[in-house]
Structure formats: structure tokens, C-alpha cells
Amino acid sequence: GRFTISRVNAKNTVSLQMNSLKPEDTA
């Protein structure tokens, strides 16, 4: 519900959209 993963094979990229970040996401 906070993070979204996506990939664009044509661009050889994978992304992670991170919303509503919390201190425990630190890493």
C-alpha cells in the first residue's frame, strides 16, 4: 500500500516508488 514496483523491459530498468516513508524503512 506504500511501495510500488515497476519494470520497463525496453529500457532495462526496474523502479521502486516509495510513499509514506517511515523511519523503519531506513536501510
mmCIF file of all heavy atoms, coordinates in Angstrom:
data_MODEL
# 
_entry.id   MODEL 
# 
loop_
_atom_site.group_PDB 
_atom_site.id 
_atom_site.type_symbol 
_atom_site.label_atom_id 
_atom_site.label_alt_id 
_atom_site.label_comp_id 
_atom_site.label_asym_id 
_atom_site.label_entity_id 
_atom_site.label_seq_id 
_atom_site.pdbx_PDB_ins_code 
_atom_site.Cartn_x 
_atom_site.Cartn_y 
_atom_site.Cartn_z 
_atom_site.occupancy 
_atom_site.B_iso_or_equiv 
_atom_site.pdbx_formal_charge 
_atom_site.auth_seq_id 
_atom_site.auth_comp_id 
_atom_site.auth_asym_id 
_atom_site.auth_atom_id 
_atom_site.pdbx_PDB_model_num 
ATOM 1   N N   . GLY A 1 1  ? 0.803  -1.221 0.000   1.00 0.00 ? 1  GLY A N   1 
ATOM 2   C CA  . GLY A 1 1  ? 0.000  0.000  0.000   1.00 0.00 ? 1  GLY A CA  1 
ATOM 3   C C   . GLY A 1 1  ? 0.830  1.263  0.000   1.00 0.00 ? 1  GLY A C   1 
ATOM 4   O O   . GLY A 1 1  ? 0.284  2.361  -0.200  1.00 0.00 ? 1  GLY A O   1 
ATOM 5   N N   . ARG A 1 2  ? 2.136  1.142  0.226   1.00 0.00 ? 2  ARG A N   1 
ATOM 6   C CA  . ARG A 1 2  ? 3.010  2.325  0.250   1.00 0.00 ? 2  ARG A CA  1 
ATOM 7   C C   . ARG A 1 2  ? 4.035  2.312  -0.883  1.00 0.00 ? 2  ARG A C   1 
ATOM 8   O O   . ARG A 1 2  ? 4.410  3.364  -1.399  1.00 0.00 ? 2  ARG A O   1 
ATOM 9   C CB  . ARG A 1 2  ? 3.745  2.422  1.590   1.00 0.00 ? 2  ARG A CB  1 
ATOM 10  C CG  . ARG A 1 2  ? 2.827  2.521  2.795   1.00 0.00 ? 2  ARG A CG  1 
ATOM 11  C CD  . ARG A 1 2  ? 3.623  2.802  4.082   1.00 0.00 ? 2  ARG A CD  1 
ATOM 12  N NE  . ARG A 1 2  ? 4.554  1.734  4.415   1.00 0.00 ? 2  ARG A NE  1 
ATOM 13  C CZ  . ARG A 1 2  ? 5.860  1.904  4.570   1.00 0.00 ? 2  ARG A CZ  1 
ATOM 14  N NH1 . ARG A 1 2  ? 6.402  3.095  4.404   1.00 0.00 ? 2  ARG A NH1 1 
ATOM 15  N NH2 . ARG A 1 2  ? 6.627  0.867  4.890   1.00 0.00 ? 2  ARG A NH2 1 
ATOM 16  N N   . PHE A 1 3  ? 4.513  1.134  -1.234  1.00 0.00 ? 3  PHE A N   1 
ATOM 17  C CA  . PHE A 1 3  ? 5.545  0.992  -2.258  1.00 0.00 ? 3  PHE A CA  1 
ATOM 18  C C   . PHE A 1 3  ? 4.953  0.369  -3.519  1.00 0.00 ? 3  PHE A C   1 
ATOM 19  O O   . PHE A 1 3  ? 4.049  -0.472 -3.436  1.00 0.00 ? 3  PHE A O   1 
ATOM 20  C CB  . PHE A 1 3  ? 6.676  0.090  -1.771  1.00 0.00 ? 3  PHE A CB  1 
ATOM 21  C CG  . PHE A 1 3  ? 7.520  0.667  -0.668  1.00 0.00 ? 3  PHE A CG  1 
ATOM 22  C CD1 . PHE A 1 3  ? 7.174  1.831  0.007   1.00 0.00 ? 3  PHE A CD1 1 
ATOM 23  C CD2 . PHE A 1 3  ? 8.707  0.027  -0.305  1.00 0.00 ? 3  PHE A CD2 1 
ATOM 24  C CE1 . PHE A 1 3  ? 7.961  2.345  1.020   1.00 0.00 ? 3  PHE A CE1 1 
ATOM 25  C CE2 . PHE A 1 3  ? 9.515  0.529  0.702   1.00 0.00 ? 3  PHE A CE2 1 
ATOM 26  C CZ  . PHE A 1 3  ? 9.136  1.683  1.371   1.00 0.00 ? 3  PHE A CZ  1 
ATOM 27  N N   . THR A 1 4  ? 5.497  0.756  -4.663  1.00 0.00 ? 4  THR A N   1 
ATOM 28  C CA  . THR A 1 4  ? 5.083  0.185  -5.938  1.00 0.00 ? 4  THR A CA  1 
ATOM 29  C C   . THR A 1 4  ? 6.307  -0.132 -6.786  1.00 0.00 ? 4  THR A C   1 
ATOM 30  O O   . THR A 1 4  ? 7.133  0.748  -7.027  1.00 0.00 ? 4  THR A O   1 
ATOM 31  C CB  . THR A 1 4  ? 4.173  1.151  -6.714  1.00 0.00 ? 4  THR A CB  1 
ATOM 32  O OG1 . THR A 1 4  ? 3.033  1.500  -5.918  1.00 0.00 ? 4  THR A OG1 1 
ATOM 33  C CG2 . THR A 1 4  ? 3.693  0.504  -8.015  1.00 0.00 ? 4  THR A CG2 1 
ATOM 34  N N   . ILE A 1 5  ? 6.398  -1.389 -7.213  1.00 0.00 ? 5  ILE A N   1 
ATOM 35  C CA  . ILE A 1 5  ? 7.495  -1.804 -8.074  1.00 0.00 ? 5  ILE A CA  1 
ATOM 36  C C   . ILE A 1 5  ? 7.009  -1.834 -9.520  1.00 0.00 ? 5  ILE A C   1 
ATOM 37  O O   . ILE A 1 5  ? 5.852  -2.174 -9.790  1.00 0.00 ? 5  ILE A O   1 
ATOM 38  C CB  . ILE A 1 5  ? 8.044  -3.187 -7.655  1.00 0.00 ? 5  ILE A CB  1 
ATOM 39  C CG1 . ILE A 1 5  ? 9.322  -3.513 -8.430  1.00 0.00 ? 5  ILE A CG1 1 
ATOM 40  C CG2 . ILE A 1 5  ? 6.992  -4.281 -7.820  1.00 0.00 ? 5  ILE A CG2 1 
ATOM 41  C CD1 . ILE A 1 5  ? 10.041 -4.769 -7.908  1.00 0.00 ? 5  ILE A CD1 1 
ATOM 42  N N   . SER A 1 6  ? 7.894  -1.458 -10.425 1.00 0.00 ? 6  SER A N   1 
ATOM 43  C CA  . SER A 1 6  ? 7.556  -1.496 -11.843 1.00 0.00 ? 6  SER A CA  1 
ATOM 44  C C   . SER A 1 6  ? 8.804  -1.809 -12.650 1.00 0.00 ? 6  SER A C   1 
ATOM 45  O O   . SER A 1 6  ? 9.924  -1.637 -12.152 1.00 0.00 ? 6  SER A O   1 
ATOM 46  C CB  . SER A 1 6  ? 6.948  -0.159 -12.288 1.00 0.00 ? 6  SER A CB  1 
ATOM 47  O OG  . SER A 1 6  ? 7.861  0.909  -12.083 1.00 0.00 ? 6  SER A OG  1 
ATOM 48  N N   . ARG A 1 7  ? 8.612  -2.275 -13.872 1.00 0.00 ? 7  ARG A N   1 
ATOM 49  C CA  . ARG A 1 7  ? 9.749  -2.549 -14.745 1.00 0.00 ? 7  ARG A CA  1 
ATOM 50  C C   . ARG A 1 7  ? 9.391  -2.142 -16.161 1.00 0.00 ? 7  ARG A C   1 
ATOM 51  O O   . ARG A 1 7  ? 8.235  -2.281 -16.580 1.00 0.00 ? 7  ARG A O   1 
ATOM 52  C CB  . ARG A 1 7  ? 10.170 -4.021 -14.686 1.00 0.00 ? 7  ARG A CB  1 
ATOM 53  C CG  . ARG A 1 7  ? 9.170  -5.005 -15.243 1.00 0.00 ? 7  ARG A CG  1 
ATOM 54  C CD  . ARG A 1 7  ? 9.572  -6.451 -14.946 1.00 0.00 ? 7  ARG A CD  1 
ATOM 55  N NE  . ARG A 1 7  ? 10.660 -6.928 -15.792 1.00 0.00 ? 7  ARG A NE  1 
ATOM 56  C CZ  . ARG A 1 7  ? 11.272 -8.113 -15.614 1.00 0.00 ? 7  ARG A CZ  1 
ATOM 57  N NH1 . ARG A 1 7  ? 10.886 -8.910 -14.627 1.00 0.00 ? 7  ARG A NH1 1 
ATOM 58  N NH2 . ARG A 1 7  ? 12.246 -8.482 -16.429 1.00 0.00 ? 7  ARG A NH2 1 
ATOM 59  N N   . VAL A 1 8  ? 10.384 -1.653 -16.874 1.00 0.00 ? 8  VAL A N   1 
ATOM 60  C CA  . VAL A 1 8  ? 10.234 -1.321 -18.286 1.00 0.00 ? 8  VAL A CA  1 
ATOM 61  C C   . VAL A 1 8  ? 11.304 -2.091 -19.023 1.00 0.00 ? 8  VAL A C   1 
ATOM 62  O O   . VAL A 1 8  ? 12.480 -1.701 -19.055 1.00 0.00 ? 8  VAL A O   1 
ATOM 63  C CB  . VAL A 1 8  ? 10.365 0.192  -18.543 1.00 0.00 ? 8  VAL A CB  1 
ATOM 64  C CG1 . VAL A 1 8  ? 10.175 0.484  -20.028 1.00 0.00 ? 8  VAL A CG1 1 
ATOM 65  C CG2 . VAL A 1 8  ? 9.361  0.974  -17.707 1.00 0.00 ? 8  VAL A CG2 1 
ATOM 66  N N   . ASN A 1 9  ? 10.917 -3.219 -19.570 1.00 0.00 ? 9  ASN A N   1 
ATOM 67  C CA  . ASN A 1 9  ? 11.900 -4.096 -20.207 1.00 0.00 ? 9  ASN A CA  1 
ATOM 68  C C   . ASN A 1 9  ? 12.622 -3.394 -21.366 1.00 0.00 ? 9  ASN A C   1 
ATOM 69  O O   . ASN A 1 9  ? 13.821 -3.592 -21.564 1.00 0.00 ? 9  ASN A O   1 
ATOM 70  C CB  . ASN A 1 9  ? 11.219 -5.363 -20.707 1.00 0.00 ? 9  ASN A CB  1 
ATOM 71  C CG  . ASN A 1 9  ? 10.743 -6.244 -19.570 1.00 0.00 ? 9  ASN A CG  1 
ATOM 72  O OD1 . ASN A 1 9  ? 11.312 -6.231 -18.468 1.00 0.00 ? 9  ASN A OD1 1 
ATOM 73  N ND2 . ASN A 1 9  ? 9.701  -7.016 -19.813 1.00 0.00 ? 9  ASN A ND2 1 
ATOM 74  N N   . ALA A 1 10 ? 11.906 -2.577 -22.103 1.00 0.00 ? 10 ALA A N   1 
ATOM 75  C CA  . ALA A 1 10 ? 12.511 -1.902 -23.254 1.00 0.00 ? 10 ALA A CA  1 
ATOM 76  C C   . ALA A 1 10 ? 13.611 -0.937 -22.840 1.00 0.00 ? 10 ALA A C   1 
ATOM 77  O O   . ALA A 1 10 ? 14.505 -0.632 -23.638 1.00 0.00 ? 10 ALA A O   1 
ATOM 78  C CB  . ALA A 1 10 ? 11.433 -1.166 -24.041 1.00 0.00 ? 10 ALA A CB  1 
ATOM 79  N N   . LYS A 1 11 ? 13.535 -0.455 -21.590 1.00 0.00 ? 11 LYS A N   1 
ATOM 80  C CA  . LYS A 1 11 ? 14.553 0.476  -21.097 1.00 0.00 ? 11 LYS A CA  1 
ATOM 81  C C   . LYS A 1 11 ? 15.501 -0.181 -20.106 1.00 0.00 ? 11 LYS A C   1 
ATOM 82  O O   . LYS A 1 11 ? 16.365 0.488  -19.544 1.00 0.00 ? 11 LYS A O   1 
ATOM 83  C CB  . LYS A 1 11 ? 13.875 1.683  -20.445 1.00 0.00 ? 11 LYS A CB  1 
ATOM 84  C CG  . LYS A 1 11 ? 13.079 2.539  -21.418 1.00 0.00 ? 11 LYS A CG  1 
ATOM 85  C CD  . LYS A 1 11 ? 12.560 3.798  -20.734 1.00 0.00 ? 11 LYS A CD  1 
ATOM 86  C CE  . LYS A 1 11 ? 11.829 4.685  -21.741 1.00 0.00 ? 11 LYS A CE  1 
ATOM 87  N NZ  . LYS A 1 11 ? 11.333 5.938  -21.098 1.00 0.00 ? 11 LYS A NZ  1 
ATOM 88  N N   . ASN A 1 12 ? 15.303 -1.483 -19.880 1.00 0.00 ? 12 ASN A N   1 
ATOM 89  C CA  . ASN A 1 12 ? 16.175 -2.233 -18.958 1.00 0.00 ? 12 ASN A CA  1 
ATOM 90  C C   . ASN A 1 12 ? 16.235 -1.595 -17.578 1.00 0.00 ? 12 ASN A C   1 
ATOM 91  O O   . ASN A 1 12 ? 17.307 -1.472 -16.975 1.00 0.00 ? 12 ASN A O   1 
ATOM 92  C CB  . ASN A 1 12 ? 17.585 -2.364 -19.545 1.00 0.00 ? 12 ASN A CB  1 
ATOM 93  C CG  . ASN A 1 12 ? 17.589 -3.108 -20.856 1.00 0.00 ? 12 ASN A CG  1 
ATOM 94  O OD1 . ASN A 1 12 ? 16.866 -4.091 -21.011 1.00 0.00 ? 12 ASN A OD1 1 
ATOM 95  N ND2 . ASN A 1 12 ? 18.371 -2.646 -21.814 1.00 0.00 ? 12 ASN A ND2 1 
ATOM 96  N N   . THR A 1 13 ? 15.079 -1.192 -17.089 1.00 0.00 ? 13 THR A N   1 
ATOM 97  C CA  . THR A 1 13 ? 15.022 -0.545 -15.784 1.00 0.00 ? 13 THR A CA  1 
ATOM 98  C C   . THR A 1 13 ? 13.927 -1.145 -14.910 1.00 0.00 ? 13 THR A C   1 
ATOM 99  O O   . THR A 1 13 ? 12.896 -1.610 -15.407 1.00 0.00 ? 13 THR A O   1 
ATOM 100 C CB  . THR A 1 13 ? 14.771 0.965  -15.899 1.00 0.00 ? 13 THR A CB  1 
ATOM 101 O OG1 . THR A 1 13 ? 13.540 1.184  -16.587 1.00 0.00 ? 13 THR A OG1 1 
ATOM 102 C CG2 . THR A 1 13 ? 15.895 1.664  -16.623 1.00 0.00 ? 13 THR A CG2 1 
ATOM 103 N N   . VAL A 1 14 ? 14.194 -1.127 -13.622 1.00 0.00 ? 14 VAL A N   1 
ATOM 104 C CA  . VAL A 1 14 ? 13.216 -1.503 -12.613 1.00 0.00 ? 14 VAL A CA  1 
ATOM 105 C C   . VAL A 1 14 ? 13.185 -0.368 -11.590 1.00 0.00 ? 14 VAL A C   1 
ATOM 106 O O   . VAL A 1 14 ? 14.240 0.151  -11.214 1.00 0.00 ? 14 VAL A O   1 
ATOM 107 C CB  . VAL A 1 14 ? 13.603 -2.815 -11.909 1.00 0.00 ? 14 VAL A CB  1 
ATOM 108 C CG1 . VAL A 1 14 ? 12.596 -3.158 -10.813 1.00 0.00 ? 14 VAL A CG1 1 
ATOM 109 C CG2 . VAL A 1 14 ? 13.681 -3.942 -12.913 1.00 0.00 ? 14 VAL A CG2 1 
ATOM 110 N N   . SER A 1 15 ? 12.003 0.010  -11.172 1.00 0.00 ? 15 SER A N   1 
ATOM 111 C CA  . SER A 1 15 ? 11.875 1.130  -10.248 1.00 0.00 ? 15 SER A CA  1 
ATOM 112 C C   . SER A 1 15 ? 11.075 0.736  -9.018  1.00 0.00 ? 15 SER A C   1 
ATOM 113 O O   . SER A 1 15 ? 10.309 -0.237 -9.041  1.00 0.00 ? 15 SER A O   1 
ATOM 114 C CB  . SER A 1 15 ? 11.185 2.307  -10.944 1.00 0.00 ? 15 SER A CB  1 
ATOM 115 O OG  . SER A 1 15 ? 11.942 2.755  -12.048 1.00 0.00 ? 15 SER A OG  1 
ATOM 116 N N   . LEU A 1 16 ? 11.281 1.493  -7.959  1.00 0.00 ? 16 LEU A N   1 
ATOM 117 C CA  . LEU A 1 16 ? 10.527 1.300  -6.722  1.00 0.00 ? 16 LEU A CA  1 
ATOM 118 C C   . LEU A 1 16 ? 10.068 2.674  -6.251  1.00 0.00 ? 16 LEU A C   1 
ATOM 119 O O   . LEU A 1 16 ? 10.895 3.491  -5.823  1.00 0.00 ? 16 LEU A O   1 
ATOM 120 C CB  . LEU A 1 16 ? 11.382 0.622  -5.659  1.00 0.00 ? 16 LEU A CB  1 
ATOM 121 C CG  . LEU A 1 16 ? 10.645 0.263  -4.368  1.00 0.00 ? 16 LEU A CG  1 
ATOM 122 C CD1 . LEU A 1 16 ? 9.624  -0.857 -4.623  1.00 0.00 ? 16 LEU A CD1 1 
ATOM 123 C CD2 . LEU A 1 16 ? 11.630 -0.160 -3.278  1.00 0.00 ? 16 LEU A CD2 1 
ATOM 124 N N   . GLN A 1 17 ? 8.783  2.925  -6.353  1.00 0.00 ? 17 GLN A N   1 
ATOM 125 C CA  . GLN A 1 17 ? 8.202  4.163  -5.842  1.00 0.00 ? 17 GLN A CA  1 
ATOM 126 C C   . GLN A 1 17 ? 7.829  3.950  -4.386  1.00 0.00 ? 17 GLN A C   1 
ATOM 127 O O   . GLN A 1 17 ? 7.062  3.033  -4.077  1.00 0.00 ? 17 GLN A O   1 
ATOM 128 C CB  . GLN A 1 17 ? 6.960  4.548  -6.651  1.00 0.00 ? 17 GLN A CB  1 
ATOM 129 C CG  . GLN A 1 17 ? 6.267  5.799  -6.155  1.00 0.00 ? 17 GLN A CG  1 
ATOM 130 C CD  . GLN A 1 17 ? 7.113  7.051  -6.324  1.00 0.00 ? 17 GLN A CD  1 
ATOM 131 O OE1 . GLN A 1 17 ? 7.760  7.237  -7.344  1.00 0.00 ? 17 GLN A OE1 1 
ATOM 132 N NE2 . GLN A 1 17 ? 7.106  7.917  -5.303  1.00 0.00 ? 17 GLN A NE2 1 
ATOM 133 N N   . MET A 1 18 ? 8.400  4.771  -3.511  1.00 0.00 ? 18 MET A N   1 
ATOM 134 C CA  . MET A 1 18 ? 8.192  4.610  -2.086  1.00 0.00 ? 18 MET A CA  1 
ATOM 135 C C   . MET A 1 18 ? 7.488  5.850  -1.542  1.00 0.00 ? 18 MET A C   1 
ATOM 136 O O   . MET A 1 18 ? 8.047  6.956  -1.590  1.00 0.00 ? 18 MET A O   1 
ATOM 137 C CB  . MET A 1 18 ? 9.530  4.404  -1.369  1.00 0.00 ? 18 MET A CB  1 
ATOM 138 C CG  . MET A 1 18 ? 10.349 3.251  -1.938  1.00 0.00 ? 18 MET A CG  1 
ATOM 139 S SD  . MET A 1 18 ? 11.840 2.900  -0.980  1.00 0.00 ? 18 MET A SD  1 
ATOM 140 C CE  . MET A 1 18 ? 12.762 4.412  -1.245  1.00 0.00 ? 18 MET A CE  1 
ATOM 141 N N   . ASN A 1 19 ? 6.282  5.654  -1.041  1.00 0.00 ? 19 ASN A N   1 
ATOM 142 C CA  . ASN A 1 19 ? 5.496  6.745  -0.470  1.00 0.00 ? 19 ASN A CA  1 
ATOM 143 C C   . ASN A 1 19 ? 5.270  6.508  1.017   1.00 0.00 ? 19 ASN A C   1 
ATOM 144 O O   . ASN A 1 19 ? 5.447  5.390  1.509   1.00 0.00 ? 19 ASN A O   1 
ATOM 145 C CB  . ASN A 1 19 ? 4.151  6.858  -1.191  1.00 0.00 ? 19 ASN A CB  1 
ATOM 146 C CG  . ASN A 1 19 ? 4.296  7.170  -2.663  1.00 0.00 ? 19 ASN A CG  1 
ATOM 147 O OD1 . ASN A 1 19 ? 5.219  7.866  -3.092  1.00 0.00 ? 19 ASN A OD1 1 
ATOM 148 N ND2 . ASN A 1 19 ? 3.381  6.650  -3.464  1.00 0.00 ? 19 ASN A ND2 1 
ATOM 149 N N   . SER A 1 20 ? 4.863  7.562  1.704   1.00 0.00 ? 20 SER A N   1 
ATOM 150 C CA  . SER A 1 20 ? 4.566  7.469  3.149   1.00 0.00 ? 20 SER A CA  1 
ATOM 151 C C   . SER A 1 20 ? 5.708  6.776  3.894   1.00 0.00 ? 20 SER A C   1 
ATOM 152 O O   . SER A 1 20 ? 5.478  5.856  4.689   1.00 0.00 ? 20 SER A O   1 
ATOM 153 C CB  . SER A 1 20 ? 3.247  6.716  3.360   1.00 0.00 ? 20 SER A CB  1 
ATOM 154 O OG  . SER A 1 20 ? 2.186  7.348  2.693   1.00 0.00 ? 20 SER A OG  1 
ATOM 155 N N   . LEU A 1 21 ? 6.902  7.208  3.640   1.00 0.00 ? 21 LEU A N   1 
ATOM 156 C CA  . LEU A 1 21 ? 8.078  6.564  4.226   1.00 0.00 ? 21 LEU A CA  1 
ATOM 157 C C   . LEU A 1 21 ? 8.091  6.721  5.744   1.00 0.00 ? 21 LEU A C   1 
ATOM 158 O O   . LEU A 1 21 ? 7.652  7.730  6.298   1.00 0.00 ? 21 LEU A O   1 
ATOM 159 C CB  . LEU A 1 21 ? 9.347  7.129  3.615   1.00 0.00 ? 21 LEU A CB  1 
ATOM 160 C CG  . LEU A 1 21 ? 9.652  6.592  2.209   1.00 0.00 ? 21 LEU A CG  1 
ATOM 161 C CD1 . LEU A 1 21 ? 10.635 7.486  1.483   1.00 0.00 ? 21 LEU A CD1 1 
ATOM 162 C CD2 . LEU A 1 21 ? 10.193 5.172  2.300   1.00 0.00 ? 21 LEU A CD2 1 
ATOM 163 N N   . LYS A 1 22 ? 8.604  5.677  6.383   1.00 0.00 ? 22 LYS A N   1 
ATOM 164 C CA  . LYS A 1 22 ? 8.702  5.618  7.840   1.00 0.00 ? 22 LYS A CA  1 
ATOM 165 C C   . LYS A 1 22 ? 10.161 5.469  8.240   1.00 0.00 ? 22 LYS A C   1 
ATOM 166 O O   . LYS A 1 22 ? 10.968 4.926  7.457   1.00 0.00 ? 22 LYS A O   1 
ATOM 167 C CB  . LYS A 1 22 ? 7.903  4.430  8.365   1.00 0.00 ? 22 LYS A CB  1 
ATOM 168 C CG  . LYS A 1 22 ? 6.441  4.408  7.950   1.00 0.00 ? 22 LYS A CG  1 
ATOM 169 C CD  . LYS A 1 22 ? 5.772  3.138  8.426   1.00 0.00 ? 22 LYS A CD  1 
ATOM 170 C CE  . LYS A 1 22 ? 4.303  3.083  8.011   1.00 0.00 ? 22 LYS A CE  1 
ATOM 171 N NZ  . LYS A 1 22 ? 3.645  1.834  8.463   1.00 0.00 ? 22 LYS A NZ  1 
ATOM 172 N N   . PRO A 1 23 ? 10.513 5.863  9.449   1.00 0.00 ? 23 PRO A N   1 
ATOM 173 C CA  . PRO A 1 23 ? 11.906 5.671  9.898   1.00 0.00 ? 23 PRO A CA  1 
ATOM 174 C C   . PRO A 1 23 ? 12.364 4.224  9.791   1.00 0.00 ? 23 PRO A C   1 
ATOM 175 O O   . PRO A 1 23 ? 13.544 3.971  9.502   1.00 0.00 ? 23 PRO A O   1 
ATOM 176 C CB  . PRO A 1 23 ? 11.860 6.147  11.357  1.00 0.00 ? 23 PRO A CB  1 
ATOM 177 C CG  . PRO A 1 23 ? 10.785 7.176  11.376  1.00 0.00 ? 23 PRO A CG  1 
ATOM 178 C CD  . PRO A 1 23 ? 9.731  6.656  10.421  1.00 0.00 ? 23 PRO A CD  1 
ATOM 179 N N   . GLU A 1 24 ? 11.460 3.288  9.991   1.00 0.00 ? 24 GLU A N   1 
ATOM 180 C CA  . GLU A 1 24 ? 11.837 1.869  9.898   1.00 0.00 ? 24 GLU A CA  1 
ATOM 181 C C   . GLU A 1 24 ? 12.104 1.406  8.467   1.00 0.00 ? 24 GLU A C   1 
ATOM 182 O O   . GLU A 1 24 ? 12.538 0.275  8.256   1.00 0.00 ? 24 GLU A O   1 
ATOM 183 C CB  . GLU A 1 24 ? 10.765 0.976  10.540  1.00 0.00 ? 24 GLU A CB  1 
ATOM 184 C CG  . GLU A 1 24 ? 9.354  1.239  10.066  1.00 0.00 ? 24 GLU A CG  1 
ATOM 185 C CD  . GLU A 1 24 ? 8.588  2.156  11.006  1.00 0.00 ? 24 GLU A CD  1 
ATOM 186 O OE1 . GLU A 1 24 ? 9.166  3.172  11.463  1.00 0.00 ? 24 GLU A OE1 1 
ATOM 187 O OE2 . GLU A 1 24 ? 7.399  1.863  11.265  1.00 0.00 ? 24 GLU A OE2 1 
ATOM 188 N N   . ASP A 1 25 ? 11.879 2.271  7.484   1.00 0.00 ? 25 ASP A N   1 
ATOM 189 C CA  . ASP A 1 25 ? 12.249 1.954  6.109   1.00 0.00 ? 25 ASP A CA  1 
ATOM 190 C C   . ASP A 1 25 ? 13.725 2.260  5.840   1.00 0.00 ? 25 ASP A C   1 
ATOM 191 O O   . ASP A 1 25 ? 14.234 1.955  4.751   1.00 0.00 ? 25 ASP A O   1 
ATOM 192 C CB  . ASP A 1 25 ? 11.394 2.750  5.122   1.00 0.00 ? 25 ASP A CB  1 
ATOM 193 C CG  . ASP A 1 25 ? 9.929  2.354  5.159   1.00 0.00 ? 25 ASP A CG  1 
ATOM 194 O OD1 . ASP A 1 25 ? 9.640  1.146  5.236   1.00 0.00 ? 25 ASP A OD1 1 
ATOM 195 O OD2 . ASP A 1 25 ? 9.069  3.260  5.092   1.00 0.00 ? 25 ASP A OD2 1 
ATOM 196 N N   . THR A 1 26 ? 14.389 2.863  6.802   1.00 0.00 ? 26 THR A N   1 
ATOM 197 C CA  . THR A 1 26 ? 15.807 3.187  6.645   1.00 0.00 ? 26 THR A CA  1 
ATOM 198 C C   . THR A 1 26 ? 16.630 1.920  6.437   1.00 0.00 ? 26 THR A C   1 
ATOM 199 O O   . THR A 1 26 ? 16.556 0.988  7.238   1.00 0.00 ? 26 THR A O   1 
ATOM 200 C CB  . THR A 1 26 ? 16.326 3.943  7.884   1.00 0.00 ? 26 THR A CB  1 
ATOM 201 O OG1 . THR A 1 26 ? 15.656 5.214  7.961   1.00 0.00 ? 26 THR A OG1 1 
ATOM 202 C CG2 . THR A 1 26 ? 17.824 4.165  7.800   1.00 0.00 ? 26 THR A CG2 1 
ATOM 203 N N   . ALA A 1 27 ? 17.393 1.891  5.358   1.00 0.00 ? 27 ALA A N   1 
ATOM 204 C CA  . ALA A 1 27 ? 18.182 0.710  5.007   1.00 0.00 ? 27 ALA A CA  1 
ATOM 205 C C   . ALA A 1 27 ? 18.964 0.987  3.731   1.00 0.00 ? 27 ALA A C   1 
ATOM 206 O O   . ALA A 1 27 ? 18.732 2.011  3.066   1.00 0.00 ? 27 ALA A O   1 
ATOM 207 C CB  . ALA A 1 27 ? 17.270 -0.510 4.797   1.00 0.00 ? 27 ALA A CB  1 
# 
